[in-house]
Amino acid sequence: MRNIRLSVHSAEHTYLRQLLIRRRLDLGLSQRALAERMNVVHSFVGKVETGDRRLDIFEFIDYCRALNWQPEEVLQSLQEEAV
């Protein structure tokens, strides 16, 4: 059984942040533009990207959708990376 990774600085969280940042940049979105899509303040996106804030499952789904990404695709990438 794997240990639960609680730290936002774990390898898994770092990889997730990298995926989300890369997707945002690939879409040509600034942090502010992504925040507007999510109806949150831009510092929310900045804190997620720097690891100062974790996403709960519902925020994760909203974040993915704002990036025109199916949450399942992101989870699949995380699972493949963890193997």
N, C-alpha and C. Protein backbone atom coordinates (compact mmCIF):
# COMPACT_ATOMS: atom_id res chain seq x y z
N MET A 1 0.84 -1.18 0.00
CA MET A 1 0.00 0.00 0.00
C MET A 1 0.89 1.24 0.00
N ARG A 2 0.53 2.21 -0.84
CA ARG A 2 1.31 3.44 -0.94
C ARG A 2 1.00 4.37 0.22
N ASN A 3 1.98 5.14 0.60
CA ASN A 3 1.75 6.18 1.59
C ASN A 3 0.96 7.31 0.95
N ILE A 4 0.07 7.89 1.70
CA ILE A 4 -0.67 9.04 1.20
C ILE A 4 0.26 10.24 1.20
N ARG A 5 0.29 10.93 0.08
CA ARG A 5 1.15 12.11 -0.06
C ARG A 5 0.36 13.36 0.31
N LEU A 6 0.62 13.89 1.48
CA LEU A 6 -0.12 15.05 1.94
C LEU A 6 0.57 16.36 1.59
N SER A 7 1.86 16.34 1.40
CA SER A 7 2.60 17.57 1.14
C SER A 7 2.33 18.07 -0.28
N VAL A 8 2.11 19.38 -0.39
CA VAL A 8 1.95 19.96 -1.72
C VAL A 8 3.27 19.95 -2.48
N HIS A 9 4.34 19.60 -1.79
CA HIS A 9 5.65 19.56 -2.44
C HIS A 9 6.10 18.14 -2.75
N SER A 10 5.19 17.18 -2.62
CA SER A 10 5.51 15.81 -2.99
C SER A 10 5.69 15.74 -4.50
N ALA A 11 6.31 14.67 -4.96
CA ALA A 11 6.54 14.50 -6.40
C ALA A 11 5.22 14.49 -7.16
N GLU A 12 4.19 13.88 -6.60
CA GLU A 12 2.90 13.80 -7.28
C GLU A 12 2.25 15.17 -7.42
N HIS A 13 2.28 15.95 -6.34
CA HIS A 13 1.69 17.29 -6.41
C HIS A 13 2.49 18.19 -7.35
N THR A 14 3.80 18.05 -7.32
CA THR A 14 4.64 18.84 -8.22
C THR A 14 4.31 18.50 -9.67
N TYR A 15 4.16 17.23 -9.97
CA TYR A 15 3.83 16.81 -11.33
C TYR A 15 2.46 17.36 -11.74
N LEU A 16 1.49 17.30 -10.85
CA LEU A 16 0.16 17.84 -11.15
C LEU A 16 0.25 19.33 -11.45
N ARG A 17 0.98 20.06 -10.63
CA ARG A 17 1.13 21.50 -10.87
C ARG A 17 1.76 21.76 -12.22
N GLN A 18 2.78 20.97 -12.57
CA GLN A 18 3.43 21.13 -13.87
C GLN A 18 2.46 20.88 -15.02
N LEU A 19 1.63 19.86 -14.88
CA LEU A 19 0.62 19.57 -15.91
C LEU A 19 -0.33 20.75 -16.08
N LEU A 20 -0.82 21.28 -14.97
CA LEU A 20 -1.79 22.38 -15.02
C LEU A 20 -1.16 23.65 -15.60
N ILE A 21 0.06 23.94 -15.20
CA ILE A 21 0.75 25.12 -15.73
C ILE A 21 0.98 24.98 -17.22
N ARG A 22 1.48 23.82 -17.64
CA ARG A 22 1.77 23.59 -19.06
C ARG A 22 0.50 23.74 -19.89
N ARG A 23 -0.60 23.18 -19.40
CA ARG A 23 -1.87 23.27 -20.12
C ARG A 23 -2.31 24.73 -20.24
N ARG A 24 -2.21 25.48 -19.15
CA ARG A 24 -2.60 26.90 -19.18
C ARG A 24 -1.77 27.66 -20.20
N LEU A 25 -0.47 27.42 -20.18
CA LEU A 25 0.41 28.12 -21.12
C LEU A 25 0.15 27.68 -22.55
N ASP A 26 -0.09 26.40 -22.77
CA ASP A 26 -0.40 25.90 -24.11
C ASP A 26 -1.66 26.55 -24.67
N LEU A 27 -2.59 26.88 -23.79
CA LEU A 27 -3.83 27.56 -24.21
C LEU A 27 -3.64 29.07 -24.35
N GLY A 28 -2.44 29.55 -23.99
CA GLY A 28 -2.16 30.98 -24.09
C GLY A 28 -2.87 31.82 -23.05
N LEU A 29 -3.16 31.21 -21.91
CA LEU A 29 -3.88 31.91 -20.85
C LEU A 29 -2.92 32.43 -19.78
N SER A 30 -3.17 33.62 -19.32
CA SER A 30 -2.47 34.13 -18.14
C SER A 30 -3.16 33.56 -16.91
N GLN A 31 -2.51 33.71 -15.77
CA GLN A 31 -3.15 33.29 -14.52
C GLN A 31 -4.45 34.06 -14.31
N ARG A 32 -4.43 35.33 -14.65
CA ARG A 32 -5.62 36.17 -14.48
C ARG A 32 -6.75 35.69 -15.39
N ALA A 33 -6.43 35.34 -16.63
CA ALA A 33 -7.47 34.88 -17.57
C ALA A 33 -8.07 33.55 -17.10
N LEU A 34 -7.22 32.66 -16.59
CA LEU A 34 -7.73 31.40 -16.07
C LEU A 34 -8.62 31.65 -14.86
N ALA A 35 -8.18 32.54 -13.99
CA ALA A 35 -8.98 32.87 -12.80
C ALA A 35 -10.35 33.42 -13.20
N GLU A 36 -10.39 34.24 -14.24
CA GLU A 36 -11.67 34.77 -14.71
C GLU A 36 -12.57 33.65 -15.20
N ARG A 37 -12.01 32.67 -15.90
CA ARG A 37 -12.80 31.53 -16.36
C ARG A 37 -13.39 30.75 -15.18
N MET A 38 -12.65 30.73 -14.08
CA MET A 38 -13.07 29.97 -12.90
C MET A 38 -13.89 30.80 -11.93
N ASN A 39 -13.95 32.11 -12.18
CA ASN A 39 -14.65 33.03 -11.29
C ASN A 39 -14.03 33.04 -9.89
N VAL A 40 -12.70 33.10 -9.88
CA VAL A 40 -11.94 33.20 -8.63
C VAL A 40 -10.93 34.34 -8.78
N VAL A 41 -10.33 34.76 -7.69
CA VAL A 41 -9.29 35.79 -7.76
C VAL A 41 -8.03 35.17 -8.36
N HIS A 42 -7.25 36.00 -9.05
CA HIS A 42 -6.07 35.46 -9.74
C HIS A 42 -5.04 34.88 -8.77
N SER A 43 -5.02 35.35 -7.54
CA SER A 43 -4.05 34.82 -6.58
C SER A 43 -4.34 33.34 -6.27
N PHE A 44 -5.58 32.90 -6.45
CA PHE A 44 -5.92 31.49 -6.27
C PHE A 44 -5.10 30.64 -7.24
N VAL A 45 -5.08 31.04 -8.50
CA VAL A 45 -4.33 30.29 -9.51
C VAL A 45 -2.84 30.34 -9.18
N GLY A 46 -2.34 31.51 -8.83
CA GLY A 46 -0.93 31.63 -8.49
C GLY A 46 -0.53 30.74 -7.33
N LYS A 47 -1.36 30.68 -6.31
CA LYS A 47 -1.06 29.85 -5.14
C LYS A 47 -1.09 28.37 -5.48
N VAL A 48 -2.03 27.97 -6.33
CA VAL A 48 -2.07 26.57 -6.76
C VAL A 48 -0.79 26.24 -7.53
N GLU A 49 -0.40 27.12 -8.44
CA GLU A 49 0.75 26.85 -9.30
C GLU A 49 2.07 26.85 -8.53
N THR A 50 2.16 27.61 -7.46
CA THR A 50 3.40 27.64 -6.68
C THR A 50 3.42 26.61 -5.56
N GLY A 51 2.29 25.95 -5.36
CA GLY A 51 2.22 24.94 -4.31
C GLY A 51 1.85 25.50 -2.95
N ASP A 52 1.43 26.75 -2.92
CA ASP A 52 1.01 27.34 -1.66
C ASP A 52 -0.42 26.95 -1.29
N ARG A 53 -1.12 26.34 -2.25
CA ARG A 53 -2.51 25.94 -2.00
C ARG A 53 -2.80 24.64 -2.73
N ARG A 54 -3.53 23.76 -2.04
CA ARG A 54 -3.97 22.50 -2.65
C ARG A 54 -5.37 22.68 -3.21
N LEU A 55 -5.70 21.83 -4.16
CA LEU A 55 -7.06 21.80 -4.70
C LEU A 55 -7.84 20.67 -4.07
N ASP A 56 -9.07 20.94 -3.67
CA ASP A 56 -9.91 19.81 -3.28
C ASP A 56 -10.47 19.21 -4.57
N ILE A 57 -11.18 18.12 -4.48
CA ILE A 57 -11.62 17.40 -5.67
C ILE A 57 -12.55 18.24 -6.54
N PHE A 58 -13.41 19.03 -5.93
CA PHE A 58 -14.35 19.85 -6.70
C PHE A 58 -13.63 21.01 -7.38
N GLU A 59 -12.65 21.59 -6.68
CA GLU A 59 -11.84 22.65 -7.30
C GLU A 59 -11.02 22.07 -8.45
N PHE A 60 -10.50 20.87 -8.26
CA PHE A 60 -9.73 20.20 -9.31
C PHE A 60 -10.58 20.04 -10.57
N ILE A 61 -11.81 19.59 -10.40
CA ILE A 61 -12.71 19.41 -11.55
C ILE A 61 -12.96 20.75 -12.24
N ASP A 62 -13.25 21.79 -11.47
CA ASP A 62 -13.48 23.12 -12.05
C ASP A 62 -12.23 23.63 -12.76
N TYR A 63 -11.08 23.41 -12.15
CA TYR A 63 -9.80 23.85 -12.72
C TYR A 63 -9.59 23.18 -14.07
N CYS A 64 -9.78 21.87 -14.11
CA CYS A 64 -9.61 21.14 -15.37
C CYS A 64 -10.57 21.64 -16.43
N ARG A 65 -11.81 21.81 -16.08
CA ARG A 65 -12.81 22.27 -17.04
C ARG A 65 -12.49 23.66 -17.57
N ALA A 66 -11.96 24.52 -16.71
CA ALA A 66 -11.57 25.86 -17.14
C ALA A 66 -10.42 25.79 -18.14
N LEU A 67 -9.66 24.70 -18.09
CA LEU A 67 -8.56 24.48 -19.03
C LEU A 67 -9.00 23.62 -20.22
N ASN A 68 -10.31 23.46 -20.38
CA ASN A 68 -10.86 22.63 -21.47
C ASN A 68 -10.26 21.23 -21.46
N TRP A 69 -10.21 20.66 -20.29
CA TRP A 69 -9.55 19.37 -20.08
C TRP A 69 -10.47 18.50 -19.25
N GLN A 70 -10.63 17.27 -19.64
CA GLN A 70 -11.42 16.33 -18.85
C GLN A 70 -10.60 15.90 -17.63
N PRO A 71 -11.15 15.99 -16.44
CA PRO A 71 -10.42 15.59 -15.24
C PRO A 71 -9.86 14.17 -15.35
N GLU A 72 -10.59 13.29 -16.04
CA GLU A 72 -10.13 11.91 -16.18
C GLU A 72 -8.80 11.83 -16.92
N GLU A 73 -8.59 12.72 -17.90
CA GLU A 73 -7.33 12.74 -18.64
C GLU A 73 -6.17 13.09 -17.72
N VAL A 74 -6.40 14.07 -16.86
CA VAL A 74 -5.36 14.49 -15.93
C VAL A 74 -5.06 13.37 -14.94
N LEU A 75 -6.10 12.74 -14.43
CA LEU A 75 -5.92 11.64 -13.49
C LEU A 75 -5.17 10.48 -14.15
N GLN A 76 -5.46 10.22 -15.41
CA GLN A 76 -4.75 9.15 -16.14
C GLN A 76 -3.26 9.49 -16.24
N SER A 77 -2.95 10.73 -16.55
CA SER A 77 -1.54 11.15 -16.61
C SER A 77 -0.86 10.99 -15.26
N LEU A 78 -1.57 11.34 -14.20
CA LEU A 78 -1.00 11.19 -12.86
C LEU A 78 -0.76 9.72 -12.54
N GLN A 79 -1.70 8.89 -12.91
CA GLN A 79 -1.56 7.46 -12.64
C GLN A 79 -0.39 6.87 -13.42
N GLU A 80 -0.25 7.26 -14.68
CA GLU A 80 0.85 6.76 -15.50
C GLU A 80 2.20 7.20 -14.95
N GLU A 81 2.26 8.43 -14.48
CA GLU A 81 3.51 8.95 -13.92
C GLU A 81 3.89 8.23 -12.63
N ALA A 82 2.89 7.82 -11.86
CA ALA A 82 3.14 7.19 -10.56
C ALA A 82 3.62 5.76 -10.69
N VAL A 83 3.44 5.16 -11.85
CA VAL A 83 3.81 3.75 -12.03
C VAL A 83 5.30 3.60 -12.13
